[in-house]
Protein backbone atom coordinates (compact mmCIF):
# COMPACT_ATOMS: atom_id res chain seq x y z
CA MET A 1 -0.08 -0.43 0.00
CA LYS A 2 3.03 1.86 0.51
CA TRP A 3 4.07 1.79 -2.29
CA ILE A 4 0.93 3.37 -4.23
CA MET A 5 0.84 6.68 -1.85
CA VAL A 6 4.00 8.24 -2.68
CA PRO A 7 3.71 8.52 -6.04
CA LEU A 8 0.13 9.61 -5.55
CA SER A 9 0.97 12.19 -2.96
CA ILE A 10 3.49 13.07 -5.76
CA PHE A 11 1.26 13.32 -8.22
CA VAL A 12 -1.13 15.95 -5.97
CA LEU A 13 1.45 17.74 -5.19
CA VAL A 14 2.47 18.66 -8.81
CA ALA A 15 -1.27 19.33 -9.84
CA ALA A 16 -1.72 21.17 -6.47
CA VAL A 17 2.10 23.59 -7.40
CA SER A 18 0.43 23.93 -10.91
CA CYS A 19 -3.17 24.69 -10.69
CA ALA A 20 -1.98 27.99 -8.25
CA LYS A 21 -2.49 30.54 -9.96
CA SER A 22 0.29 32.67 -10.59
CA LYS A 23 0.75 36.33 -10.09
CA PRO A 24 -0.06 38.90 -13.03
CA LYS A 25 3.16 40.57 -14.64
CA PRO A 26 2.97 44.01 -13.63
CA LEU A 27 2.06 46.67 -16.69
CA VAL A 28 5.00 47.90 -17.88
CA PRO A 29 5.58 50.70 -20.75
CA LEU A 30 7.08 49.27 -23.95
CA LYS A 31 9.90 50.69 -25.69
CA LEU A 32 10.16 51.31 -29.18
CA GLY A 33 11.90 49.81 -31.86
CA THR A 34 15.26 50.51 -33.64
CA GLY A 35 13.63 52.30 -36.47
CA ALA A 36 11.27 54.81 -33.96
CA THR A 37 12.86 58.71 -33.85
CA SER A 38 15.10 59.22 -31.49
CA ASP A 39 12.42 61.52 -30.61
CA ALA A 40 9.92 59.61 -30.69
CA GLN A 41 12.23 57.01 -28.19
CA SER A 42 12.85 60.22 -25.65
CA LEU A 43 9.48 61.45 -25.35
CA THR A 44 8.53 56.83 -24.34
CA GLN A 45 11.57 57.06 -21.98
CA ARG A 46 10.13 60.34 -20.26
CA GLY A 47 6.60 58.69 -20.23
CA THR A 48 8.08 55.71 -19.16
CA GLU A 49 9.92 57.38 -15.81
CA ALA A 50 6.48 59.57 -15.24
CA TYR A 51 4.42 56.29 -15.08
CA GLN A 52 6.72 54.58 -13.21
CA ALA A 53 6.63 57.15 -10.68
CA ARG A 54 2.80 56.66 -10.91
CA GLN A 55 2.45 60.45 -12.00
CA PHE A 56 0.00 58.59 -14.75
CA THR A 57 -1.50 61.98 -16.33
CA GLU A 58 2.10 63.46 -17.44
CA ALA A 59 3.23 59.79 -18.58
CA LYS A 60 -0.18 60.30 -21.42
CA SER A 61 1.03 63.24 -22.27
CA TYR A 62 4.71 61.96 -22.77
CA PHE A 63 3.25 58.74 -24.33
CA ASP A 64 0.56 60.77 -26.51
CA GLN A 65 3.49 62.81 -28.45
CA ALA A 66 5.20 59.47 -29.26
CA VAL A 67 2.16 58.14 -30.81
CA LYS A 68 1.64 61.44 -32.94
CA ALA A 69 5.94 60.97 -33.27
CA ALA A 70 5.76 57.58 -34.45
CA PRO A 71 1.49 56.21 -35.64
CA ASP A 72 2.42 53.06 -36.71
CA SER A 73 4.51 51.75 -33.81
CA GLY A 74 2.62 49.79 -31.61
CA PRO A 75 4.59 49.64 -28.87
CA ALA A 76 3.37 53.76 -28.64
CA HIS A 77 0.10 52.91 -28.68
CA TYR A 78 0.16 49.90 -25.68
CA ASN A 79 1.88 52.85 -23.84
CA LEU A 80 -0.40 55.58 -24.38
CA ALA A 81 -3.37 53.00 -23.13
CA LEU A 82 -2.08 51.35 -20.01
CA ALA A 83 -1.51 55.38 -19.56
CA LEU A 84 -4.98 56.52 -20.84
CA ASN A 85 -6.26 53.52 -18.46
CA ALA A 86 -4.44 54.44 -15.16
CA VAL A 87 -6.25 57.80 -15.22
CA GLY A 88 -9.19 56.15 -15.83
CA GLU A 89 -10.11 56.80 -19.19
CA THR A 90 -10.54 53.22 -19.90
CA GLU A 91 -12.51 53.69 -23.75
CA GLN A 92 -9.79 56.07 -25.41
CA ALA A 93 -7.86 52.80 -23.73
CA HIS A 94 -9.53 50.26 -25.42
CA GLN A 95 -9.18 52.40 -28.59
CA GLN A 96 -5.15 52.32 -28.22
CA PHE A 97 -5.10 48.84 -27.02
CA ILE A 98 -7.14 47.30 -30.34
CA GLU A 99 -4.78 50.39 -32.48
CA ALA A 100 -1.79 48.34 -31.07
CA ALA A 101 -2.47 45.15 -30.96
CA ASN A 102 -3.44 45.76 -35.38
CA LEU A 103 -0.09 47.50 -35.63
CA ALA A 104 1.90 44.81 -33.89
CA PRO A 105 0.67 41.32 -34.90
CA GLY A 106 3.11 39.28 -33.81
CA ASP A 107 4.57 41.21 -30.73
CA LYS A 108 3.82 38.65 -27.66
CA VAL A 109 3.92 40.99 -24.60
CA ILE A 110 0.81 43.16 -26.29
CA TRP A 111 -1.33 40.38 -27.49
CA ASP A 112 -0.88 38.05 -24.38
CA SER A 113 -1.09 41.64 -22.14
CA PRO A 114 -3.18 41.10 -19.08
CA ALA A 115 -4.40 45.11 -19.94
CA LEU A 116 -5.98 43.33 -23.03
CA ARG A 117 -8.19 40.77 -21.18
CA PRO A 118 -10.54 43.23 -19.93
CA PHE A 119 -11.74 44.40 -23.16
CA GLY A 120 -12.16 40.60 -24.91
CA SER A 121 -11.42 40.10 -28.43
CA PRO A 122 -12.05 42.85 -31.02
CA ALA A 123 -14.04 40.66 -33.55
CA ALA A 124 -16.70 39.97 -30.02
CA PRO A 125 -20.28 41.53 -30.64
CA LYS A 126 -20.98 44.35 -28.49
CA GLY A 127 -24.72 45.27 -27.45
CA PRO A 128 -27.00 42.85 -25.54
CA PRO A 129 -27.13 39.51 -26.89
CA LYS A 130 -29.39 38.72 -29.92
CA GLU A 131 -32.69 36.78 -28.88
CA HIS A 132 -33.15 33.27 -29.54
CA PRO A 133 -35.12 33.13 -33.24
CA TYR A 134 -37.77 30.59 -31.69
CA GLY A 135 -38.22 32.77 -28.23
CA THR A 136 -36.95 31.35 -24.88
CA GLN A 137 -39.90 29.73 -23.41
CA ARG A 138 -40.68 26.51 -22.23
CA PRO A 139 -43.23 24.68 -24.71
CA VAL A 140 -46.94 24.02 -23.28
CA PHE A 141 -48.21 21.02 -24.39
CA GLY A 142 -52.20 20.28 -23.99
CA GLY A 143 -53.27 23.87 -23.70
CA GLY A 144 -51.85 24.42 -20.69
CA PRO A 145 -52.43 23.93 -16.60
CA ARG A 146 -56.30 22.54 -16.14
């Protein structure tokens, strides 16, 4: 009986460790690619410093300027989205997260970011769910209660 308990104990331990929730990764601004202008990279660096100092309004301003300097940069839009989200401008943040994902289709950091999870799939339909075409009432057989 002992020889069964040891493997069973190991299995339970491994299962418990693998099911434990890992701590979510902190949301941090991304560096721009090497193709970005030095102005955009400088603005991003300043925005990152402000973001890390929890000066989110100032970070938003820097990241907004960086997006204007590098409008085709996914990381620039992502950084702006982080700052917008931090100051509570969630609808604008959503738009910037989606833009970042569209501009950086292979960037796992952007696509796997916990920041995108609350917004769901960009292709998901918005608004109330559609009514079932045949209704949702249970059928009544025999003309109803007697």
